[in-house]
């Protein structure tokens, strides 16, 4: 497994945890606009964090 795949996998795991925490936070908020923004933010993390991990992991691994 290359450093890029490991970085993307770690990014995906972090995105899943972040999504769960944002959903928990959204359940405590009263305003529907805020709930929608938290939901969109959580979904966007599924795209952004694996991409960031793909490019950053080789820098830490020295590849």
C-alpha atoms as a PDB file:
ATOM      1  CA  UNK A   1       0.000   0.000   0.000  1.00  0.00           C
ATOM      2  CA  UNK A   2       1.460   3.329  -1.006  1.00  0.00           C
ATOM      3  CA  UNK A   3       1.624   6.411   1.156  1.00  0.00           C
ATOM      4  CA  UNK A   4      -1.004   8.059  -1.055  1.00  0.00           C
ATOM      5  CA  UNK A   5      -3.533   5.290  -0.407  1.00  0.00           C
ATOM      6  CA  UNK A   6      -2.810   5.302   3.300  1.00  0.00           C
ATOM      7  CA  UNK A   7      -3.275   9.087   3.417  1.00  0.00           C
ATOM      8  CA  UNK A   8      -6.558   8.879   1.514  1.00  0.00           C
ATOM      9  CA  UNK A   9      -7.769   6.094   3.825  1.00  0.00           C
ATOM     10  CA  UNK A  10      -6.908   8.098   6.918  1.00  0.00           C
ATOM     11  CA  UNK A  11      -8.665  11.107   5.403  1.00  0.00           C
ATOM     12  CA  UNK A  12     -11.764   8.998   4.810  1.00  0.00           C
ATOM     13  CA  UNK A  13     -11.759   7.709   8.401  1.00  0.00           C
ATOM     14  CA  UNK A  14     -11.432  11.255   9.712  1.00  0.00           C
ATOM     15  CA  UNK A  15     -14.285  12.331   7.412  1.00  0.00           C
ATOM     16  CA  UNK A  16     -16.555   9.603   8.815  1.00  0.00           C
ATOM     17  CA  UNK A  17     -15.808  10.647  12.405  1.00  0.00           C
ATOM     18  CA  UNK A  18     -16.264  14.315  11.531  1.00  0.00           C
ATOM     19  CA  UNK A  19     -19.581  13.572   9.809  1.00  0.00           C
ATOM     20  CA  UNK A  20     -20.852  11.717  12.875  1.00  0.00           C
ATOM     21  CA  UNK A  21     -19.840  14.548  15.193  1.00  0.00           C
ATOM     22  CA  UNK A  22     -21.406  17.181  12.950  1.00  0.00           C
ATOM     23  CA  UNK A  23     -24.649  15.190  12.809  1.00  0.00           C
ATOM     24  CA  UNK A  24     -24.617  15.004  16.606  1.00  0.00           C
ATOM     25  CA  UNK A  25     -24.106  18.756  16.769  1.00  0.00           C
ATOM     26  CA  UNK A  26     -26.880  19.339  14.207  1.00  0.00           C
ATOM     27  CA  UNK A  27     -29.316  17.391  16.358  1.00  0.00           C
ATOM     28  CA  UNK A  28     -28.774  19.890  19.181  1.00  0.00           C
ATOM     29  CA  UNK A  29     -29.285  23.012  17.049  1.00  0.00           C
ATOM     30  CA  UNK A  30     -32.692  24.643  16.669  1.00  0.00           C
ATOM     31  CA  UNK A  31     -32.298  26.623  13.446  1.00  0.00           C
ATOM     32  CA  UNK A  32     -32.952  24.641  10.250  1.00  0.00           C
ATOM     33  CA  UNK A  33     -30.425  26.743   8.319  1.00  0.00           C
ATOM     34  CA  UNK A  34     -27.678  25.788  10.734  1.00  0.00           C
ATOM     35  CA  UNK A  35     -28.644  22.106  10.496  1.00  0.00           C
ATOM     36  CA  UNK A  36     -28.441  22.311   6.708  1.00  0.00           C
ATOM     37  CA  UNK A  37     -25.016  23.962   6.788  1.00  0.00           C
ATOM     38  CA  UNK A  38     -23.657  21.359   9.217  1.00  0.00           C
ATOM     39  CA  UNK A  39     -25.012  18.565   7.012  1.00  0.00           C
ATOM     40  CA  UNK A  40     -23.450  20.038   3.862  1.00  0.00           C
ATOM     41  CA  UNK A  41     -20.157  20.556   5.679  1.00  0.00           C
ATOM     42  CA  UNK A  42     -20.113  16.928   6.813  1.00  0.00           C
ATOM     43  CA  UNK A  43     -20.827  15.657   3.311  1.00  0.00           C
ATOM     44  CA  UNK A  44     -18.154  17.869   1.770  1.00  0.00           C
ATOM     45  CA  UNK A  45     -15.577  16.344   4.133  1.00  0.00           C
ATOM     46  CA  UNK A  46     -16.042  12.974   2.378  1.00  0.00           C
ATOM     47  CA  UNK A  47     -14.569  14.547  -0.748  1.00  0.00           C
ATOM     48  CA  UNK A  48     -12.039  17.000   0.664  1.00  0.00           C
ATOM     49  CA  UNK A  49     -10.254  15.009   3.366  1.00  0.00           C
ATOM     50  CA  UNK A  50      -9.318  11.963   1.231  1.00  0.00           C
ATOM     51  CA  UNK A  51      -7.995  14.311  -1.476  1.00  0.00           C
ATOM     52  CA  UNK A  52      -5.921  16.218   1.078  1.00  0.00           C
ATOM     53  CA  UNK A  53      -4.646  12.931   2.509  1.00  0.00           C
ATOM     54  CA  UNK A  54      -3.718  11.742  -0.998  1.00  0.00           C
ATOM     55  CA  UNK A  55      -1.429  14.733  -1.513  1.00  0.00           C
ATOM     56  CA  UNK A  56      -0.120  15.312   2.029  1.00  0.00           C
ATOM     57  CA  UNK A  57       0.782  11.742   3.048  1.00  0.00           C
ATOM     58  CA  UNK A  58       3.691  11.409   0.585  1.00  0.00           C
ATOM     59  CA  UNK A  59       5.178  14.594   2.017  1.00  0.00           C
ATOM     60  CA  UNK A  60       5.241  13.052   5.496  1.00  0.00           C
ATOM     61  CA  UNK A  61       6.463   9.692   4.190  1.00  0.00           C
ATOM     62  CA  UNK A  62       9.296  11.289   2.220  1.00  0.00           C
ATOM     63  CA  UNK A  63       8.253   9.954  -1.173  1.00  0.00           C
END
